């Protein structure tokens, strides 16, 4: 048996470490790219929704707001006597 740095068991263990780290980095990079693509798609959809609402004459800032008197703070809460 040849004695040397390459034949020691610890060298073999250290040898595989960079490839494991590289796989982890690559997986993290792919996950990050997928998250970015998802965020881009959401922004693109929101932009087209806003543009469609504006074309239909609806102000996106006022969408969902009910005109008229609003209930006073503390009314209809129930449970307090």
PDB file of N, CA and C in Angstrom:
ATOM      1  N   UNK A   1       0.843  -1.172   0.000  1.00  0.00           N
ATOM      2  CA  UNK A   1       0.000   0.000   0.000  1.00  0.00           C
ATOM      3  C   UNK A   1       0.889   1.236   0.000  1.00  0.00           C
ATOM      4  N   UNK A   2       0.521   2.198  -0.785  1.00  0.00           N
ATOM      5  CA  UNK A   2       1.296   3.424  -0.882  1.00  0.00           C
ATOM      6  C   UNK A   2       0.797   4.392   0.161  1.00  0.00           C
ATOM      7  N   UNK A   3       1.705   4.949   0.900  1.00  0.00           N
ATOM      8  CA  UNK A   3       1.324   5.937   1.905  1.00  0.00           C
ATOM      9  C   UNK A   3       1.539   7.319   1.315  1.00  0.00           C
ATOM     10  N   UNK A   4       0.532   8.105   1.411  1.00  0.00           N
ATOM     11  CA  UNK A   4       0.620   9.453   0.879  1.00  0.00           C
ATOM     12  C   UNK A   4      -0.663  10.204   1.188  1.00  0.00           C
ATOM     13  N   UNK A   5      -0.696  11.429   0.788  1.00  0.00           N
ATOM     14  CA  UNK A   5      -1.853  12.266   1.095  1.00  0.00           C
ATOM     15  C   UNK A   5      -3.105  11.778   0.378  1.00  0.00           C
ATOM     16  N   UNK A   6      -2.959  11.265  -0.828  1.00  0.00           N
ATOM     17  CA  UNK A   6      -4.134  10.863  -1.604  1.00  0.00           C
ATOM     18  C   UNK A   6      -4.747   9.547  -1.151  1.00  0.00           C
ATOM     19  N   UNK A   7      -4.013   8.742  -0.445  1.00  0.00           N
ATOM     20  CA  UNK A   7      -4.556   7.458  -0.028  1.00  0.00           C
ATOM     21  C   UNK A   7      -5.209   7.518   1.346  1.00  0.00           C
ATOM     22  N   UNK A   8      -5.143   8.651   2.016  1.00  0.00           N
ATOM     23  CA  UNK A   8      -5.735   8.736   3.349  1.00  0.00           C
ATOM     24  C   UNK A   8      -7.255   8.869   3.242  1.00  0.00           C
ATOM     25  N   UNK A   9      -7.994   8.320   4.195  1.00  0.00           N
ATOM     26  CA  UNK A   9      -9.449   8.391   4.147  1.00  0.00           C
ATOM     27  C   UNK A   9      -9.975   9.817   4.258  1.00  0.00           C
ATOM     28  N   UNK A  10      -9.274  10.692   4.959  1.00  0.00           N
ATOM     29  CA  UNK A  10      -9.764  12.065   5.093  1.00  0.00           C
ATOM     30  C   UNK A  10      -9.653  12.820   3.773  1.00  0.00           C
ATOM     31  N   UNK A  11      -8.694  12.491   2.951  1.00  0.00           N
ATOM     32  CA  UNK A  11      -8.579  13.159   1.654  1.00  0.00           C
ATOM     33  C   UNK A  11      -9.787  12.839   0.789  1.00  0.00           C
ATOM     34  N   UNK A  12     -10.236  11.588   0.807  1.00  0.00           N
ATOM     35  CA  UNK A  12     -11.406  11.205   0.022  1.00  0.00           C
ATOM     36  C   UNK A  12     -12.653  11.935   0.508  1.00  0.00           C
ATOM     37  N   UNK A  13     -12.768  12.132   1.806  1.00  0.00           N
ATOM     38  CA  UNK A  13     -13.924  12.842   2.345  1.00  0.00           C
ATOM     39  C   UNK A  13     -13.887  14.307   1.931  1.00  0.00           C
ATOM     40  N   UNK A  14     -12.717  14.908   1.945  1.00  0.00           N
ATOM     41  CA  UNK A  14     -12.600  16.312   1.557  1.00  0.00           C
ATOM     42  C   UNK A  14     -12.808  16.474   0.061  1.00  0.00           C
ATOM     43  N   UNK A  15     -12.467  15.481  -0.702  1.00  0.00           N
ATOM     44  CA  UNK A  15     -12.567  15.553  -2.156  1.00  0.00           C
ATOM     45  C   UNK A  15     -14.017  15.720  -2.605  1.00  0.00           C
ATOM     46  N   UNK A  16     -14.965  15.088  -1.942  1.00  0.00           N
ATOM     47  CA  UNK A  16     -16.358  15.148  -2.362  1.00  0.00           C
ATOM     48  C   UNK A  16     -17.065  16.409  -1.890  1.00  0.00           C
ATOM     49  N   UNK A  17     -16.509  17.101  -0.946  1.00  0.00           N
ATOM     50  CA  UNK A  17     -17.178  18.267  -0.368  1.00  0.00           C
ATOM     51  C   UNK A  17     -17.466  19.374  -1.379  1.00  0.00           C
ATOM     52  N   UNK A  18     -16.533  19.766  -2.234  1.00  0.00           N
ATOM     53  CA  UNK A  18     -16.837  20.849  -3.165  1.00  0.00           C
ATOM     54  C   UNK A  18     -18.005  20.538  -4.092  1.00  0.00           C
ATOM     55  N   UNK A  19     -18.147  19.292  -4.522  1.00  0.00           N
ATOM     56  CA  UNK A  19     -19.252  18.976  -5.415  1.00  0.00           C
ATOM     57  C   UNK A  19     -20.590  19.052  -4.680  1.00  0.00           C
ATOM     58  N   UNK A  20     -20.610  18.691  -3.396  1.00  0.00           N
ATOM     59  CA  UNK A  20     -21.835  18.807  -2.610  1.00  0.00           C
ATOM     60  C   UNK A  20     -22.190  20.278  -2.445  1.00  0.00           C
ATOM     61  N   UNK A  21     -21.189  21.090  -2.128  1.00  0.00           N
ATOM     62  CA  UNK A  21     -21.427  22.522  -1.989  1.00  0.00           C
ATOM     63  C   UNK A  21     -21.904  23.125  -3.306  1.00  0.00           C
ATOM     64  N   UNK A  22     -21.321  22.698  -4.393  1.00  0.00           N
ATOM     65  CA  UNK A  22     -21.710  23.218  -5.697  1.00  0.00           C
ATOM     66  C   UNK A  22     -23.165  22.857  -6.021  1.00  0.00           C
ATOM     67  N   UNK A  23     -23.562  21.643  -5.691  1.00  0.00           N
ATOM     68  CA  UNK A  23     -24.953  21.237  -5.920  1.00  0.00           C
ATOM     69  C   UNK A  23     -25.908  22.080  -5.085  1.00  0.00           C
ATOM     70  N   UNK A  24     -25.520  22.354  -3.831  1.00  0.00           N
ATOM     71  CA  UNK A  24     -26.363  23.196  -2.975  1.00  0.00           C
ATOM     72  C   UNK A  24     -26.481  24.612  -3.533  1.00  0.00           C
ATOM     73  N   UNK A  25     -25.351  25.161  -3.970  1.00  0.00           N
ATOM     74  CA  UNK A  25     -25.380  26.507  -4.550  1.00  0.00           C
ATOM     75  C   UNK A  25     -26.243  26.539  -5.804  1.00  0.00           C
ATOM     76  N   UNK A  26     -26.096  25.525  -6.634  1.00  0.00           N
ATOM     77  CA  UNK A  26     -26.877  25.454  -7.866  1.00  0.00           C
ATOM     78  C   UNK A  26     -28.373  25.339  -7.552  1.00  0.00           C
ATOM     79  N   UNK A  27     -28.737  24.531  -6.566  1.00  0.00           N
ATOM     80  CA  UNK A  27     -30.146  24.395  -6.175  1.00  0.00           C
ATOM     81  C   UNK A  27     -30.682  25.717  -5.642  1.00  0.00           C
ATOM     82  N   UNK A  28     -29.885  26.411  -4.840  1.00  0.00           N
ATOM     83  CA  UNK A  28     -30.304  27.709  -4.307  1.00  0.00           C
ATOM     84  C   UNK A  28     -30.459  28.726  -5.439  1.00  0.00           C
ATOM     85  N   UNK A  29     -29.556  28.685  -6.397  1.00  0.00           N
ATOM     86  CA  UNK A  29     -29.639  29.608  -7.529  1.00  0.00           C
ATOM     87  C   UNK A  29     -30.888  29.342  -8.357  1.00  0.00           C
ATOM     88  N   UNK A  30     -31.184  28.082  -8.613  1.00  0.00           N
ATOM     89  CA  UNK A  30     -32.379  27.730  -9.384  1.00  0.00           C
ATOM     90  C   UNK A  30     -33.652  28.144  -8.648  1.00  0.00           C
ATOM     91  N   UNK A  31     -33.660  27.955  -7.330  1.00  0.00           N
ATOM     92  CA  UNK A  31     -34.823  28.362  -6.544  1.00  0.00           C
ATOM     93  C   UNK A  31     -35.002  29.872  -6.607  1.00  0.00           C
ATOM     94  N   UNK A  32     -33.894  30.606  -6.490  1.00  0.00           N
ATOM     95  CA  UNK A  32     -33.954  32.068  -6.566  1.00  0.00           C
ATOM     96  C   UNK A  32     -34.464  32.518  -7.925  1.00  0.00           C
ATOM     97  N   UNK A  33     -34.000  31.889  -8.993  1.00  0.00           N
ATOM     98  CA  UNK A  33     -34.463  32.232 -10.331  1.00  0.00           C
ATOM     99  C   UNK A  33     -35.953  31.957 -10.484  1.00  0.00           C
ATOM    100  N   UNK A  34     -36.426  30.851  -9.927  1.00  0.00           N
ATOM    101  CA  UNK A  34     -37.851  30.521 -10.005  1.00  0.00           C
ATOM    102  C   UNK A  34     -38.685  31.557  -9.253  1.00  0.00           C
ATOM    103  N   UNK A  35     -38.195  31.984  -8.078  1.00  0.00           N
ATOM    104  CA  UNK A  35     -38.900  33.011  -7.316  1.00  0.00           C
ATOM    105  C   UNK A  35     -38.954  34.323  -8.088  1.00  0.00           C
ATOM    106  N   UNK A  36     -37.842  34.681  -8.721  1.00  0.00           N
ATOM    107  CA  UNK A  36     -37.815  35.918  -9.508  1.00  0.00           C
ATOM    108  C   UNK A  36     -38.788  35.847 -10.673  1.00  0.00           C
ATOM    109  N   UNK A  37     -38.839  34.705 -11.352  1.00  0.00           N
ATOM    110  CA  UNK A  37     -39.751  34.544 -12.479  1.00  0.00           C
ATOM    111  C   UNK A  37     -41.202  34.653 -12.014  1.00  0.00           C
ATOM    112  N   UNK A  38     -41.490  34.105 -10.860  1.00  0.00           N
ATOM    113  CA  UNK A  38     -42.845  34.182 -10.313  1.00  0.00           C
ATOM    114  C   UNK A  38     -43.208  35.627  -9.984  1.00  0.00           C
ATOM    115  N   UNK A  39     -42.278  36.353  -9.361  1.00  0.00           N
ATOM    116  CA  UNK A  39     -42.541  37.761  -9.037  1.00  0.00           C
ATOM    117  C   UNK A  39     -42.739  38.586 -10.306  1.00  0.00           C
ATOM    118  N   UNK A  40     -41.929  38.314 -11.327  1.00  0.00           N
ATOM    119  CA  UNK A  40     -42.091  39.034 -12.598  1.00  0.00           C
ATOM    120  C   UNK A  40     -43.457  38.782 -13.208  1.00  0.00           C
ATOM    121  N   UNK A  41     -43.905  37.532 -13.173  1.00  0.00           N
ATOM    122  CA  UNK A  41     -45.215  37.188 -13.728  1.00  0.00           C
ATOM    123  C   UNK A  41     -46.332  37.886 -12.956  1.00  0.00           C
ATOM    124  N   UNK A  42     -46.206  37.950 -11.625  1.00  0.00           N
ATOM    125  CA  UNK A  42     -47.212  38.645 -10.820  1.00  0.00           C
ATOM    126  C   UNK A  42     -47.258  40.131 -11.157  1.00  0.00           C
ATOM    127  N   UNK A  43     -46.089  40.755 -11.295  1.00  0.00           N
ATOM    128  CA  UNK A  43     -46.050  42.184 -11.641  1.00  0.00           C
ATOM    129  C   UNK A  43     -46.652  42.430 -13.016  1.00  0.00           C
ATOM    130  N   UNK A  44     -46.354  41.544 -13.960  1.00  0.00           N
ATOM    131  CA  UNK A  44     -46.881  41.702 -15.309  1.00  0.00           C
ATOM    132  C   UNK A  44     -48.401  41.574 -15.316  1.00  0.00           C
ATOM    133  N   UNK A  45     -48.925  40.610 -14.546  1.00  0.00           N
ATOM    134  CA  UNK A  45     -50.377  40.423 -14.466  1.00  0.00           C
ATOM    135  C   UNK A  45     -51.025  41.633 -13.806  1.00  0.00           C
ATOM    136  N   UNK A  46     -50.428  42.147 -12.731  1.00  0.00           N
ATOM    137  CA  UNK A  46     -50.981  43.316 -12.047  1.00  0.00           C
ATOM    138  C   UNK A  46     -50.981  44.525 -12.979  1.00  0.00           C
ATOM    139  N   UNK A  47     -49.951  44.667 -13.772  1.00  0.00           N
ATOM    140  CA  UNK A  47     -49.876  45.795 -14.705  1.00  0.00           C
ATOM    141  C   UNK A  47     -50.979  45.704 -15.753  1.00  0.00           C
ATOM    142  N   UNK A  48     -51.182  44.514 -16.310  1.00  0.00           N
ATOM    143  CA  UNK A  48     -52.233  44.367 -17.322  1.00  0.00           C
ATOM    144  C   UNK A  48     -53.610  44.558 -16.693  1.00  0.00           C
ATOM    145  N   UNK A  49     -53.807  44.128 -15.436  1.00  0.00           N
ATOM    146  CA  UNK A  49     -55.082  44.343 -14.754  1.00  0.00           C
ATOM    147  C   UNK A  49     -55.350  45.830 -14.565  1.00  0.00           C
ATOM    148  N   UNK A  50     -54.325  46.584 -14.171  1.00  0.00           N
ATOM    149  CA  UNK A  50     -54.486  48.036 -13.998  1.00  0.00           C
ATOM    150  C   UNK A  50     -54.811  48.700 -15.322  1.00  0.00           C
ATOM    151  N   UNK A  51     -54.104  48.311 -16.383  1.00  0.00           N
ATOM    152  CA  UNK A  51     -54.347  48.915 -17.695  1.00  0.00           C
ATOM    153  C   UNK A  51     -55.749  48.599 -18.188  1.00  0.00           C
ATOM    154  N   UNK A  52     -56.227  47.393 -17.953  1.00  0.00           N
ATOM    155  CA  UNK A  52     -57.576  47.003 -18.358  1.00  0.00           C
ATOM    156  C   UNK A  52     -58.611  47.801 -17.589  1.00  0.00           C
ATOM    157  N   UNK A  53     -58.401  47.984 -16.290  1.00  0.00           N
ATOM    158  CA  UNK A  53     -59.342  48.746 -15.472  1.00  0.00           C
ATOM    159  C   UNK A  53     -59.402  50.196 -15.924  1.00  0.00           C
ATOM    160  N   UNK A  54     -58.273  50.778 -16.263  1.00  0.00           N
ATOM    161  CA  UNK A  54     -58.247  52.166 -16.720  1.00  0.00           C
ATOM    162  C   UNK A  54     -58.962  52.293 -18.058  1.00  0.00           C
ATOM    163  N   UNK A  55     -58.778  51.322 -18.952  1.00  0.00           N
ATOM    164  CA  UNK A  55     -59.467  51.356 -20.249  1.00  0.00           C
ATOM    165  C   UNK A  55     -60.973  51.241 -20.079  1.00  0.00           C
ATOM    166  N   UNK A  56     -61.429  50.537 -19.064  1.00  0.00           N
ATOM    167  CA  UNK A  56     -62.857  50.375 -18.813  1.00  0.00           C
ATOM    168  C   UNK A  56     -63.452  51.560 -18.074  1.00  0.00           C
ATOM    169  N   UNK A  57     -62.655  52.554 -17.754  1.00  0.00           N
ATOM    170  CA  UNK A  57     -63.138  53.749 -17.090  1.00  0.00           C
ATOM    171  C   UNK A  57     -63.160  53.643 -15.583  1.00  0.00           C
ATOM    172  N   UNK A  58     -62.600  52.613 -15.019  1.00  0.00           N
ATOM    173  CA  UNK A  58     -62.565  52.440 -13.572  1.00  0.00           C
ATOM    174  C   UNK A  58     -61.211  52.894 -13.051  1.00  0.00           C
ATOM    175  N   UNK A  59     -61.245  53.731 -12.030  1.00  0.00           N
ATOM    176  CA  UNK A  59     -59.998  54.189 -11.422  1.00  0.00           C
ATOM    177  C   UNK A  59     -59.518  53.110 -10.455  1.00  0.00           C
ATOM    178  N   UNK A  60     -58.335  52.521 -10.691  1.00  0.00           N
ATOM    179  CA  UNK A  60     -57.870  51.435  -9.828  1.00  0.00           C
ATOM    180  C   UNK A  60     -57.636  51.863  -8.382  1.00  0.00           C
ATOM    181  N   UNK A  61     -57.416  53.161  -8.148  1.00  0.00           N
ATOM    182  CA  UNK A  61     -57.229  53.640  -6.785  1.00  0.00           C
ATOM    183  C   UNK A  61     -58.543  53.643  -6.003  1.00  0.00           C
ATOM    184  N   UNK A  62     -59.652  53.752  -6.729  1.00  0.00           N
ATOM    185  CA  UNK A  62     -60.955  53.827  -6.072  1.00  0.00           C
ATOM    186  C   UNK A  62     -61.730  52.520  -6.141  1.00  0.00           C
ATOM    187  N   UNK A  63     -61.170  51.503  -6.736  1.00  0.00           N
ATOM    188  CA  UNK A  63     -61.867  50.225  -6.893  1.00  0.00           C
ATOM    189  C   UNK A  63     -62.171  49.617  -5.529  1.00  0.00           C
ATOM    190  N   UNK A  64     -63.410  49.211  -5.343  1.00  0.00           N
ATOM    191  CA  UNK A  64     -63.810  48.557  -4.110  1.00  0.00           C
ATOM    192  C   UNK A  64     -64.242  49.491  -3.001  1.00  0.00           C
ATOM    193  N   UNK A  65     -64.191  50.799  -3.225  1.00  0.00           N
ATOM    194  CA  UNK A  65     -64.612  51.756  -2.208  1.00  0.00           C
ATOM    195  C   UNK A  65     -66.108  51.998  -2.371  1.00  0.00           C
ATOM    196  N   UNK A  66     -66.843  51.906  -1.262  1.00  0.00           N
ATOM    197  CA  UNK A  66     -68.285  52.102  -1.280  1.00  0.00           C
ATOM    198  C   UNK A  66     -68.580  53.552  -0.927  1.00  0.00           C
ATOM    199  N   UNK A  67     -69.268  54.289  -1.828  1.00  0.00           N
ATOM    200  CA  UNK A  67     -69.594  55.679  -1.516  1.00  0.00           C
ATOM    201  C   UNK A  67     -70.708  55.750  -0.469  1.00  0.00           C
ATOM    202  N   UNK A  68     -70.784  56.864   0.182  1.00  0.00           N
ATOM    203  CA  UNK A  68     -71.840  57.069   1.164  1.00  0.00           C
ATOM    204  C   UNK A  68     -71.278  57.118   2.564  1.00  0.00           C
ATOM    205  N   UNK A  69     -72.195  57.284   3.514  1.00  0.00           N
ATOM    206  CA  UNK A  69     -71.738  57.381   4.905  1.00  0.00           C
ATOM    207  C   UNK A  69     -71.115  56.065   5.378  1.00  0.00           C
ATOM    208  N   UNK A  70     -70.094  56.196   6.147  1.00  0.00           N
ATOM    209  CA  UNK A  70     -69.391  55.036   6.687  1.00  0.00           C
ATOM    210  C   UNK A  70     -69.813  54.846   8.142  1.00  0.00           C
ATOM    211  N   UNK A  71     -69.808  53.600   8.619  1.00  0.00           N
ATOM    212  CA  UNK A  71     -70.178  53.381  10.020  1.00  0.00           C
ATOM    213  C   UNK A  71     -69.150  54.045  10.940  1.00  0.00           C
ATOM    214  N   UNK A  72     -69.667  54.602  12.027  1.00  0.00           N
ATOM    215  CA  UNK A  72     -68.811  55.287  12.997  1.00  0.00           C
ATOM    216  C   UNK A  72     -67.957  54.248  13.716  1.00  0.00           C
ATOM    217  N   UNK A  73     -66.808  54.657  14.145  1.00  0.00           N
ATOM    218  CA  UNK A  73     -65.909  53.765  14.867  1.00  0.00           C
ATOM    219  C   UNK A  73     -66.567  53.417  16.206  1.00  0.00           C
ATOM    220  N   UNK A  74     -66.632  52.135  16.515  1.00  0.00           N
ATOM    221  CA  UNK A  74     -67.203  51.700  17.779  1.00  0.00           C
ATOM    222  C   UNK A  74     -68.647  51.234  17.657  1.00  0.00           C
ATOM    223  N   UNK A  75     -69.307  51.543  16.567  1.00  0.00           N
ATOM    224  CA  UNK A  75     -70.673  51.076  16.370  1.00  0.00           C
ATOM    225  C   UNK A  75     -70.678  49.648  15.880  1.00  0.00           C
ATOM    226  N   UNK A  76     -71.727  48.935  16.221  1.00  0.00           N
ATOM    227  CA  UNK A  76     -71.946  47.573  15.744  1.00  0.00           C
ATOM    228  C   UNK A  76     -70.818  46.617  16.102  1.00  0.00           C
ATOM    229  N   UNK A  77     -70.075  46.889  17.134  1.00  0.00           N
ATOM    230  CA  UNK A  77     -69.047  45.963  17.566  1.00  0.00           C
ATOM    231  C   UNK A  77     -69.632  44.850  18.409  1.00  0.00           C
ATOM    232  N   UNK A  78     -70.664  45.169  19.168  1.00  0.00           N
ATOM    233  CA  UNK A  78     -71.325  44.178  20.016  1.00  0.00           C
ATOM    234  C   UNK A  78     -70.443  43.744  21.151  1.00  0.00           C
ATOM    235  N   UNK A  79     -71.061  43.183  22.167  1.00  0.00           N
ATOM    236  CA  UNK A  79     -70.318  42.643  23.280  1.00  0.00           C
ATOM    237  C   UNK A  79     -69.953  43.655  24.351  1.00  0.00           C
ATOM    238  N   UNK A  80     -69.989  44.942  24.046  1.00  0.00           N
ATOM    239  CA  UNK A  80     -69.682  45.965  25.032  1.00  0.00           C
ATOM    240  C   UNK A  80     -70.981  46.613  25.473  1.00  0.00           C
ATOM    241  N   UNK A  81     -71.228  46.654  26.785  1.00  0.00           N
ATOM    242  CA  UNK A  81     -72.437  47.257  27.303  1.00  0.00           C
ATOM    243  C   UNK A  81     -72.131  48.459  28.150  1.00  0.00           C
TER     244      UNK A  81
END
